[in-house]
C-alpha atoms as a PDB file:
ATOM      1  CA  UNK A   1     102.870 -21.823  98.494  1.00  0.00           C
ATOM      2  CA  UNK A   2     100.456 -22.591 101.338  1.00  0.00           C
ATOM      3  CA  UNK A   3     103.176 -21.823 103.897  1.00  0.00           C
ATOM      4  CA  UNK A   4     103.662 -18.337 102.432  1.00  0.00           C
ATOM      5  CA  UNK A   5      99.913 -17.711 102.587  1.00  0.00           C
ATOM      6  CA  UNK A   6      99.850 -18.700 106.252  1.00  0.00           C
ATOM      7  CA  UNK A   7     102.684 -16.293 106.915  1.00  0.00           C
ATOM      8  CA  UNK A   8     100.821 -13.434 105.263  1.00  0.00           C
ATOM      9  CA  UNK A   9      97.622 -14.290 107.120  1.00  0.00           C
ATOM     10  CA  UNK A  10      99.518 -14.299 110.417  1.00  0.00           C
ATOM     11  CA  UNK A  11     101.104 -10.926 109.631  1.00  0.00           C
ATOM     12  CA  UNK A  12      97.773  -9.372 108.630  1.00  0.00           C
ATOM     13  CA  UNK A  13      96.124 -10.770 111.754  1.00  0.00           C
ATOM     14  CA  UNK A  14      98.899  -9.386 113.962  1.00  0.00           C
ATOM     15  CA  UNK A  15      98.621  -5.983 112.285  1.00  0.00           C
ATOM     16  CA  UNK A  16      94.857  -5.825 112.749  1.00  0.00           C
ATOM     17  CA  UNK A  17      95.225  -6.905 116.357  1.00  0.00           C
ATOM     18  CA  UNK A  18      97.759  -4.136 116.997  1.00  0.00           C
ATOM     19  CA  UNK A  19      95.558  -1.555 115.277  1.00  0.00           C
ATOM     20  CA  UNK A  20      92.499  -2.538 117.312  1.00  0.00           C
ATOM     21  CA  UNK A  21      94.540  -2.456 120.520  1.00  0.00           C
ATOM     22  CA  UNK A  22      95.728   1.067 119.701  1.00  0.00           C
ATOM     23  CA  UNK A  23      92.182   2.239 118.959  1.00  0.00           C
ATOM     24  CA  UNK A  24      90.916   0.644 122.164  1.00  0.00           C
ATOM     25  CA  UNK A  25      93.640   2.323 124.227  1.00  0.00           C
ATOM     26  CA  UNK A  26      92.852   5.678 122.628  1.00  0.00           C
ATOM     27  CA  UNK A  27      89.129   5.346 123.399  1.00  0.00           C
ATOM     28  CA  UNK A  28      89.880   4.242 126.954  1.00  0.00           C
ATOM     29  CA  UNK A  29      92.142   7.244 127.527  1.00  0.00           C
ATOM     30  CA  UNK A  30      89.281   9.548 126.489  1.00  0.00           C
ATOM     31  CA  UNK A  31      86.806   7.825 128.799  1.00  0.00           C
ATOM     32  CA  UNK A  32      88.883   7.974 131.987  1.00  0.00           C
ATOM     33  CA  UNK A  33      88.748  11.791 132.419  1.00  0.00           C
ATOM     34  CA  UNK A  34      85.039  11.764 131.565  1.00  0.00           C
ATOM     35  CA  UNK A  35      84.293   9.161 134.233  1.00  0.00           C
ATOM     36  CA  UNK A  36      86.328  11.114 136.783  1.00  0.00           C
ATOM     37  CA  UNK A  37      84.486  14.324 135.900  1.00  0.00           C
ATOM     38  CA  UNK A  38      81.081  12.659 136.228  1.00  0.00           C
ATOM     39  CA  UNK A  39      82.071  11.165 139.573  1.00  0.00           C
ATOM     40  CA  UNK A  40      83.194  14.586 140.832  1.00  0.00           C
ATOM     41  CA  UNK A  41      79.934  16.186 139.698  1.00  0.00           C
ATOM     42  CA  UNK A  42      77.904  13.486 141.428  1.00  0.00           C
ATOM     43  CA  UNK A  43      79.923  13.910 144.624  1.00  0.00           C
ATOM     44  CA  UNK A  44      79.603  17.703 144.478  1.00  0.00           C
ATOM     45  CA  UNK A  45      75.836  17.488 144.035  1.00  0.00           C
ATOM     46  CA  UNK A  46      75.460  15.084 146.949  1.00  0.00           C
ATOM     47  CA  UNK A  47      77.478  17.441 149.187  1.00  0.00           C
ATOM     48  CA  UNK A  48      75.371  20.472 148.206  1.00  0.00           C
ATOM     49  CA  UNK A  49      72.021  18.659 148.415  1.00  0.00           C
ATOM     50  CA  UNK A  50      72.199  15.881 150.993  1.00  0.00           C
ATOM     51  CA  UNK A  51      69.174  13.635 150.927  1.00  0.00           C
END
C-alpha cells in the first residue's frame, strides 16, 4: 500500500511542477514585450533629451 501512495505522490508532484512551469512561462512571455517597450522608451527619451 505504501508503494501505491508513493506513486500517487510522485504523480501529483509532477503535475504541480508542470502546472507551475506553464504559469511561469506564461508570465515570462508577458514580461518580455513590456521590458522591450520600457527599454525603447528609455532609449527614445535619452535621444530626445541628451544629458
